Amino acid sequence: MKKALIVLPVVAVLVGGVAAYLFLHGAGTLSYEDTTNFKVSETNDLGTPVVHISGFAFHGALTVKGITVEPEGLSLVVLVHLTLVGKGHNPFDCDVRVPDWANEIRYGKERKIIWQRQAPKTNTAIVPP
């Protein structure tokens, strides 16, 4: 009985500390597997591809805190950051302008390819000699 009275407050402080940390600093990055209604569409703005990405964070205790787009080699990586419920929202969407140097867009912590630049069309007709 005395041990329970000592352990219970210690556990409460630890759980409260973890919850406070997650609330203030975020709870990680959304994975592709935990995204529902995921959609990718492409438009063109004066010759520059613009990729629209949307979805829903399928997490009971977590919600979307923000979205970042980071360069990684010849890719752009879209990361959806999570936090505890109450500080954000679950649906997300963003537009990514694809610079000339980028060949693909990857999504989530597993870096799943969600968009690739189409190769330029070339004339493949065979011309007789």
Protein backbone atom coordinates (compact mmCIF):
# COMPACT_ATOMS: atom_id res chain seq x y z
CA MET A 1 0.00 0.00 0.00
CA LYS A 2 2.79 2.43 0.90
CA LYS A 3 4.64 1.58 -2.33
CA ALA A 4 1.53 2.39 -4.36
CA LEU A 5 1.29 5.79 -2.67
CA ILE A 6 4.88 6.53 -3.64
CA VAL A 7 4.80 5.09 -7.18
CA LEU A 8 1.52 6.70 -8.22
CA PRO A 9 2.70 10.35 -7.93
CA VAL A 10 5.99 9.49 -9.66
CA VAL A 11 4.14 7.91 -12.60
CA ALA A 12 1.75 10.89 -12.76
CA VAL A 13 4.68 13.33 -12.92
CA LEU A 14 6.40 11.31 -15.66
CA VAL A 15 3.23 11.01 -17.77
CA GLY A 16 2.50 14.71 -17.27
CA GLY A 17 6.03 15.62 -18.30
CA VAL A 18 5.85 13.54 -21.47
CA ALA A 19 2.44 15.03 -22.35
CA ALA A 20 3.76 18.57 -21.79
CA TYR A 21 6.81 17.89 -23.95
CA LEU A 22 4.68 16.48 -26.78
CA PHE A 23 2.28 19.41 -26.54
CA LEU A 24 5.06 22.00 -26.75
CA HIS A 25 7.47 20.29 -29.16
CA GLY A 26 5.29 18.07 -31.32
CA ALA A 27 4.84 14.33 -31.43
CA GLY A 28 6.65 13.38 -34.59
CA THR A 29 5.99 13.11 -38.29
CA LEU A 30 2.99 11.58 -40.02
CA SER A 31 3.66 8.43 -42.01
CA TYR A 32 2.05 7.53 -45.33
CA GLU A 33 0.34 4.55 -43.67
CA ASP A 34 -1.35 6.87 -41.13
CA THR A 35 -2.70 9.22 -43.82
CA THR A 36 -6.22 8.70 -45.18
CA ASN A 37 -7.91 10.36 -48.18
CA PHE A 38 -4.42 11.12 -49.52
CA LYS A 39 -4.58 13.01 -52.81
CA VAL A 40 -1.96 14.43 -55.17
CA SER A 41 -2.76 16.65 -58.15
CA GLU A 42 -0.61 18.77 -60.44
CA THR A 43 -1.17 22.15 -62.04
CA ASN A 44 1.17 24.41 -63.95
CA ASP A 45 2.06 28.01 -63.12
CA LEU A 46 3.95 29.69 -65.97
CA GLY A 47 5.88 26.51 -66.75
CA THR A 48 6.53 25.55 -63.12
CA PRO A 49 4.76 22.45 -61.80
CA VAL A 50 2.70 23.05 -58.65
CA VAL A 51 1.76 19.86 -56.80
CA HIS A 52 -1.24 19.98 -54.46
CA ILE A 53 -1.10 17.46 -51.60
CA SER A 54 -3.96 16.81 -49.20
CA GLY A 55 -5.04 14.20 -46.71
CA PHE A 56 -6.23 13.44 -43.22
CA ALA A 57 -4.08 12.43 -40.24
CA PHE A 58 -5.52 9.14 -39.03
CA HIS A 59 -4.32 9.44 -35.44
CA GLY A 60 -6.68 9.41 -32.46
CA ALA A 61 -4.53 11.35 -30.00
CA LEU A 62 -2.50 13.44 -32.44
CA THR A 63 -3.30 16.23 -34.87
CA VAL A 64 -1.48 18.21 -37.58
CA LYS A 65 0.77 20.97 -36.23
CA GLY A 66 2.34 22.07 -39.51
CA ILE A 67 3.86 21.07 -42.85
CA THR A 68 7.41 21.52 -44.05
CA VAL A 69 9.00 20.95 -47.45
CA GLU A 70 12.71 20.15 -47.33
CA PRO A 71 15.22 19.53 -50.13
CA GLU A 72 16.97 16.16 -50.08
CA GLY A 73 19.23 15.42 -53.03
CA LEU A 74 17.13 15.86 -56.19
CA SER A 75 13.92 15.41 -54.18
CA LEU A 76 11.60 17.56 -52.14
CA VAL A 77 10.39 15.88 -48.94
CA VAL A 78 6.99 16.85 -47.53
CA LEU A 79 6.71 16.25 -43.79
CA VAL A 80 3.46 16.64 -41.83
CA HIS A 81 4.30 17.37 -38.19
CA LEU A 82 2.03 16.16 -35.39
CA THR A 83 1.12 17.38 -31.92
CA LEU A 84 -1.38 16.45 -29.23
CA VAL A 85 -5.08 16.95 -29.98
CA GLY A 86 -6.40 20.43 -29.34
CA LYS A 87 -3.57 22.50 -30.81
CA GLY A 88 -3.97 21.76 -34.52
CA HIS A 89 -6.25 20.11 -37.04
CA ASN A 90 -6.43 16.70 -38.73
CA PRO A 91 -7.06 17.52 -42.41
CA PHE A 92 -4.11 19.08 -44.20
CA ASP A 93 -3.26 20.43 -47.62
CA CYS A 94 -0.38 22.28 -49.20
CA ASP A 95 0.89 23.40 -52.58
CA VAL A 96 4.47 22.60 -53.51
CA ARG A 97 6.13 24.60 -56.28
CA VAL A 98 8.65 22.26 -57.88
CA PRO A 99 11.93 23.98 -58.82
CA ASP A 100 13.79 22.98 -61.99
CA TRP A 101 16.39 20.95 -60.08
CA ALA A 102 13.85 18.69 -58.32
CA ASN A 103 12.83 15.45 -60.05
CA GLU A 104 10.44 14.04 -57.44
CA ILE A 105 8.44 14.70 -54.30
CA ARG A 106 8.58 12.28 -51.40
CA TYR A 107 6.15 12.13 -48.48
CA GLY A 108 6.33 11.21 -44.81
CA LYS A 109 9.01 9.75 -42.64
CA GLU A 110 9.34 6.76 -44.98
CA ARG A 111 10.01 9.11 -47.95
CA LYS A 112 7.42 7.50 -50.26
CA ILE A 113 7.59 8.87 -53.82
CA ILE A 114 4.28 10.64 -54.55
CA TRP A 115 5.21 12.66 -57.66
CA GLN A 116 7.87 12.42 -60.38
CA ARG A 117 8.77 14.85 -63.12
CA GLN A 118 7.85 13.55 -66.54
CA ALA A 119 10.75 13.04 -68.90
CA PRO A 120 10.77 15.48 -71.80
CA LYS A 121 9.13 14.10 -74.92
CA THR A 122 11.54 13.34 -77.71
CA ASN A 123 10.96 12.50 -81.33
CA THR A 124 11.41 8.74 -81.56
CA ALA A 125 10.37 8.41 -85.20
CA ILE A 126 12.74 6.29 -87.24
CA VAL A 127 13.99 8.18 -90.25
CA PRO A 128 15.10 5.96 -93.14
CA PRO A 129 18.64 6.58 -94.44
